[in-house]
Amino acid sequence: MESATPVIVAIDGPAGTGKSSTSKAVAAQLGLSYLDTGAQYRAITWWMVNNGIDIDDPAAIAAAAGKPDIVSGTDPEGPTITVDGVDVSGPIRTQEVSSKVSAVSAVPEVRARITDLQRSIAASAESGIVVEGRDIGTTVLPDADLKIFLTASPEARAARRSGELKGADVHSTREALIKRDAADSSRKTSPLAKADDAVEVDTTELTLVQVIECVVTLVEEKRAGK
């Protein structure tokens, strides 16, 4: 990969829109770093659960927010995440963590801690980076070179997510996604929202390959114009 203009790409959207798969593939194709910000919120949630912090007590969560040492590897071919030196890439994907991550990530002190971490990672990515999450274009990296907001119908998202969670019931998965959307969109601190200058890509009728091609084109156009 020849060296090209560094570019910071923010990809936001609700769960099940193909954010992670798209972001990783685009970063790998274009020689960029990659950051899954959702994994960081899952990691701090996992730490809270493992250390007996009461998830229903925002003050307790806030008091502990600075304690875990979270390190994210940014290689799109093999992104890693550790907490206090322990690989948590598997444990953070459990249903227990999934069901608690919205509550933990709604606490302002948690968001401030993780947002600082995300900004420092983006700033140190020499070749540029694709950062995916829910508030990247609006809060974390409002000056990103390119902002993309992925959407899809709840039905399409549920079908994809239940496919990922082998054997999951599509109906209950859809209900869980809608509940998660509501929690993420209505929280006071950094809600899930589309930035005014973001390009919206509806992935409902698109294959993953088509979504990747679309985003790669957008990034290449942005790079050419920088």
Protein backbone atom coordinates (compact mmCIF):
# COMPACT_ATOMS: atom_id res chain seq x y z
CA MET A 1 0.00 0.00 0.00
CA GLU A 2 1.55 3.29 -1.11
CA SER A 3 1.45 6.00 1.52
CA ALA A 4 -1.60 8.19 1.01
CA THR A 5 -2.98 11.24 2.74
CA PRO A 6 -3.92 10.39 6.35
CA VAL A 7 -7.67 10.47 6.79
CA ILE A 8 -9.89 10.15 9.86
CA VAL A 9 -13.18 8.40 9.12
CA ALA A 10 -16.05 8.31 11.63
CA ILE A 11 -18.65 5.57 11.09
CA ASP A 12 -21.72 5.74 13.32
CA GLY A 13 -25.06 3.98 13.46
CA PRO A 14 -27.17 1.63 15.56
CA ALA A 15 -26.36 -2.05 16.17
CA GLY A 16 -26.80 -4.48 13.30
CA THR A 17 -26.13 -2.05 10.46
CA GLY A 18 -22.82 -3.68 9.56
CA LYS A 19 -20.59 -1.07 11.23
CA SER A 20 -17.88 -3.40 12.49
CA SER A 21 -17.60 -5.60 9.40
CA THR A 22 -17.62 -2.57 7.12
CA SER A 23 -15.17 -0.52 9.19
CA LYS A 24 -12.65 -3.35 9.52
CA ALA A 25 -12.76 -4.18 5.80
CA VAL A 26 -12.48 -0.54 4.72
CA ALA A 27 -9.55 0.07 7.07
CA ALA A 28 -7.76 -3.08 5.87
CA GLN A 29 -8.33 -2.22 2.21
CA LEU A 30 -7.08 1.34 2.54
CA GLY A 31 -4.18 0.74 4.94
CA LEU A 32 -5.80 2.57 7.85
CA SER A 33 -5.93 1.78 11.56
CA TYR A 34 -9.27 0.65 13.01
CA LEU A 35 -10.99 1.30 16.33
CA ASP A 36 -14.12 -0.43 17.62
CA THR A 37 -15.31 2.02 20.28
CA GLY A 38 -18.19 -0.24 21.28
CA ALA A 39 -15.65 -2.83 22.42
CA GLN A 40 -14.18 -0.23 24.79
CA TYR A 41 -17.58 0.38 26.39
CA ARG A 42 -18.10 -3.36 26.58
CA ALA A 43 -14.67 -3.72 28.17
CA ILE A 44 -15.35 -1.21 30.93
CA THR A 45 -18.77 -2.84 31.48
CA TRP A 46 -17.11 -6.26 31.76
CA TRP A 47 -14.68 -4.83 34.33
CA MET A 48 -17.55 -3.32 36.36
CA VAL A 49 -19.45 -6.63 36.39
CA ASN A 50 -16.31 -8.61 37.30
CA ASN A 51 -15.43 -6.24 40.11
CA GLY A 52 -18.86 -6.26 41.71
CA ILE A 53 -19.80 -2.68 40.84
CA ASP A 54 -23.57 -2.12 41.12
CA ILE A 55 -24.68 -1.46 37.53
CA ASP A 56 -27.86 0.18 38.85
CA ASP A 57 -25.84 2.76 40.77
CA PRO A 58 -24.47 5.50 38.46
CA ALA A 59 -22.46 7.02 41.31
CA ALA A 60 -20.66 3.71 41.93
CA ILE A 61 -19.95 3.37 38.19
CA ALA A 62 -18.68 6.95 38.03
CA ALA A 63 -16.36 6.41 41.00
CA ALA A 64 -14.79 3.35 39.34
CA ALA A 65 -14.61 4.70 35.78
CA GLY A 66 -10.93 5.62 35.97
CA LYS A 67 -9.72 2.32 37.45
CA PRO A 68 -9.49 -0.23 34.60
CA ASP A 69 -6.56 0.01 32.16
CA ILE A 70 -8.11 -0.48 28.70
CA VAL A 71 -5.84 -0.98 25.69
CA SER A 72 -7.16 -1.28 22.13
CA GLY A 73 -5.08 -2.77 19.31
CA THR A 74 -5.90 -1.00 16.03
CA ASP A 75 -4.86 -3.55 13.38
CA PRO A 76 -8.03 -4.11 11.29
CA GLU A 77 -6.85 -7.65 10.44
CA GLY A 78 -6.80 -8.57 14.13
CA PRO A 79 -8.12 -5.90 16.50
CA THR A 80 -7.42 -6.65 20.16
CA ILE A 81 -8.69 -5.36 23.47
CA THR A 82 -7.29 -5.93 26.93
CA VAL A 83 -8.33 -4.82 30.39
CA ASP A 84 -5.55 -4.71 32.99
CA GLY A 85 -3.49 -6.87 30.64
CA VAL A 86 -6.19 -9.54 30.19
CA ASP A 87 -7.53 -10.34 26.70
CA VAL A 88 -11.29 -9.71 26.94
CA SER A 89 -12.24 -9.92 23.26
CA GLY A 90 -14.38 -13.00 23.97
CA PRO A 91 -15.87 -12.19 27.41
CA ILE A 92 -17.10 -8.73 26.36
CA ARG A 93 -19.45 -10.29 23.78
CA THR A 94 -21.52 -12.25 26.30
CA GLN A 95 -25.21 -11.55 26.76
CA GLU A 96 -24.53 -10.44 30.34
CA VAL A 97 -22.26 -7.63 29.13
CA SER A 98 -24.58 -6.79 26.21
CA SER A 99 -27.51 -6.32 28.55
CA LYS A 100 -25.60 -3.94 30.83
CA VAL A 101 -23.49 -1.87 28.43
CA SER A 102 -26.14 0.82 27.79
CA ALA A 103 -26.48 1.54 31.52
CA VAL A 104 -22.73 1.78 32.04
CA SER A 105 -22.05 3.83 28.92
CA ALA A 106 -24.78 6.34 29.84
CA VAL A 107 -22.74 7.49 32.87
CA PRO A 108 -21.01 10.80 31.95
CA GLU A 109 -17.77 9.92 33.74
CA VAL A 110 -17.51 6.69 31.73
CA ARG A 111 -18.11 8.53 28.47
CA ALA A 112 -15.54 11.20 29.35
CA ARG A 113 -12.92 8.55 30.18
CA ILE A 114 -13.53 6.49 27.03
CA THR A 115 -13.86 9.55 24.78
CA ASP A 116 -10.42 10.78 25.91
CA LEU A 117 -9.01 7.32 25.16
CA GLN A 118 -10.59 7.30 21.69
CA ARG A 119 -9.31 10.77 20.81
CA SER A 120 -5.75 9.89 21.84
CA ILE A 121 -5.84 6.72 19.72
CA ALA A 122 -7.16 8.62 16.69
CA ALA A 123 -4.56 11.37 17.11
CA SER A 124 -1.70 8.86 17.17
CA ALA A 125 -2.81 6.95 14.03
CA GLU A 126 -0.13 8.11 11.58
CA SER A 127 -1.73 6.74 8.40
CA GLY A 128 -5.27 7.62 9.44
CA ILE A 129 -8.01 5.59 11.10
CA VAL A 130 -11.56 4.32 10.77
CA VAL A 131 -13.36 4.81 14.08
CA GLU A 132 -16.78 3.19 14.50
CA GLY A 133 -19.36 3.75 17.20
CA ARG A 134 -22.47 5.73 18.04
CA ASP A 135 -21.23 9.25 18.79
CA ILE A 136 -17.98 9.51 16.85
CA GLY A 137 -19.02 12.13 14.29
CA THR A 138 -21.01 14.16 16.80
CA THR A 139 -18.93 14.02 20.01
CA VAL A 140 -15.67 12.08 19.84
CA LEU A 141 -14.25 13.33 16.52
CA PRO A 142 -16.45 16.22 15.36
CA ASP A 143 -13.64 17.34 13.02
CA ALA A 144 -13.28 13.93 11.31
CA ASP A 145 -12.45 14.20 7.61
CA LEU A 146 -15.39 12.00 6.64
CA LYS A 147 -18.49 11.06 8.65
CA ILE A 148 -20.72 8.18 7.64
CA PHE A 149 -23.97 7.13 9.32
CA LEU A 150 -25.10 3.58 8.55
CA THR A 151 -28.78 2.72 8.88
CA ALA A 152 -30.96 -0.32 8.15
CA SER A 153 -34.49 -1.42 8.95
CA PRO A 154 -35.00 -3.07 12.38
CA GLU A 155 -35.94 -6.30 10.56
CA ALA A 156 -32.74 -6.40 8.53
CA ARG A 157 -30.64 -5.56 11.56
CA ALA A 158 -32.30 -8.25 13.68
CA ALA A 159 -31.77 -10.85 10.97
CA ARG A 160 -28.07 -9.98 10.77
CA ARG A 161 -27.56 -9.84 14.51
CA SER A 162 -29.38 -13.13 15.17
CA GLY A 163 -27.21 -14.66 12.45
CA GLU A 164 -24.15 -13.50 14.39
CA LEU A 165 -25.60 -14.80 17.67
CA LYS A 166 -26.03 -18.35 16.42
CA GLY A 167 -29.53 -19.65 17.07
CA ALA A 168 -30.89 -16.38 18.46
CA ASP A 169 -34.58 -15.67 17.94
CA VAL A 170 -35.05 -12.92 15.33
CA HIS A 171 -38.13 -11.45 17.05
CA SER A 172 -36.50 -11.16 20.47
CA THR A 173 -33.30 -9.87 18.85
CA ARG A 174 -35.35 -7.17 17.06
CA GLU A 175 -37.00 -6.15 20.35
CA ALA A 176 -33.59 -5.98 22.07
CA LEU A 177 -32.17 -3.82 19.27
CA ILE A 178 -35.09 -1.40 19.40
CA LYS A 179 -34.72 -1.16 23.19
CA ARG A 180 -30.97 -0.53 22.82
CA ASP A 181 -31.63 2.16 20.18
CA ALA A 182 -34.05 3.92 22.50
CA ALA A 183 -31.58 3.85 25.39
CA ASP A 184 -28.67 5.05 23.25
CA SER A 185 -30.68 7.76 21.47
CA SER A 186 -32.25 9.20 24.62
CA ARG A 187 -29.27 9.29 26.99
CA LYS A 188 -28.28 12.79 28.06
CA THR A 189 -24.57 12.42 27.36
CA SER A 190 -23.51 11.88 23.73
CA PRO A 191 -26.66 10.19 22.42
CA LEU A 192 -26.69 8.08 19.26
CA ALA A 193 -27.28 10.71 16.56
CA LYS A 194 -26.38 11.45 12.96
CA ALA A 195 -23.99 14.37 12.54
CA ASP A 196 -25.33 17.18 10.35
CA ASP A 197 -22.49 16.70 7.86
CA ALA A 198 -22.57 12.88 7.81
CA VAL A 199 -23.27 10.85 4.68
CA GLU A 200 -26.14 8.46 5.39
CA VAL A 201 -25.90 4.97 3.88
CA ASP A 202 -28.98 2.74 4.17
CA THR A 203 -27.67 -0.85 4.19
CA THR A 204 -31.07 -2.59 4.30
CA GLU A 205 -30.98 -3.76 0.68
CA LEU A 206 -27.19 -3.89 0.30
CA THR A 207 -24.81 -6.82 0.70
CA LEU A 208 -21.80 -6.32 2.96
CA VAL A 209 -19.55 -6.19 -0.12
CA GLN A 210 -21.69 -3.39 -1.59
CA VAL A 211 -21.58 -1.40 1.66
CA ILE A 212 -17.78 -1.76 1.83
CA GLU A 213 -17.43 -0.65 -1.81
CA CYS A 214 -19.63 2.37 -1.14
CA VAL A 215 -17.64 3.47 1.91
CA VAL A 216 -14.25 2.85 0.24
CA THR A 217 -15.37 5.08 -2.63
CA LEU A 218 -16.42 7.83 -0.21
CA VAL A 219 -13.07 7.65 1.60
CA GLU A 220 -11.08 7.68 -1.64
CA GLU A 221 -13.03 10.70 -2.90
CA LYS A 222 -12.37 12.51 0.38
CA ARG A 223 -8.66 11.64 0.23
CA ALA A 224 -8.38 12.87 -3.35
CA GLY A 225 -9.93 16.18 -2.37
CA LYS A 226 -7.76 16.80 0.72
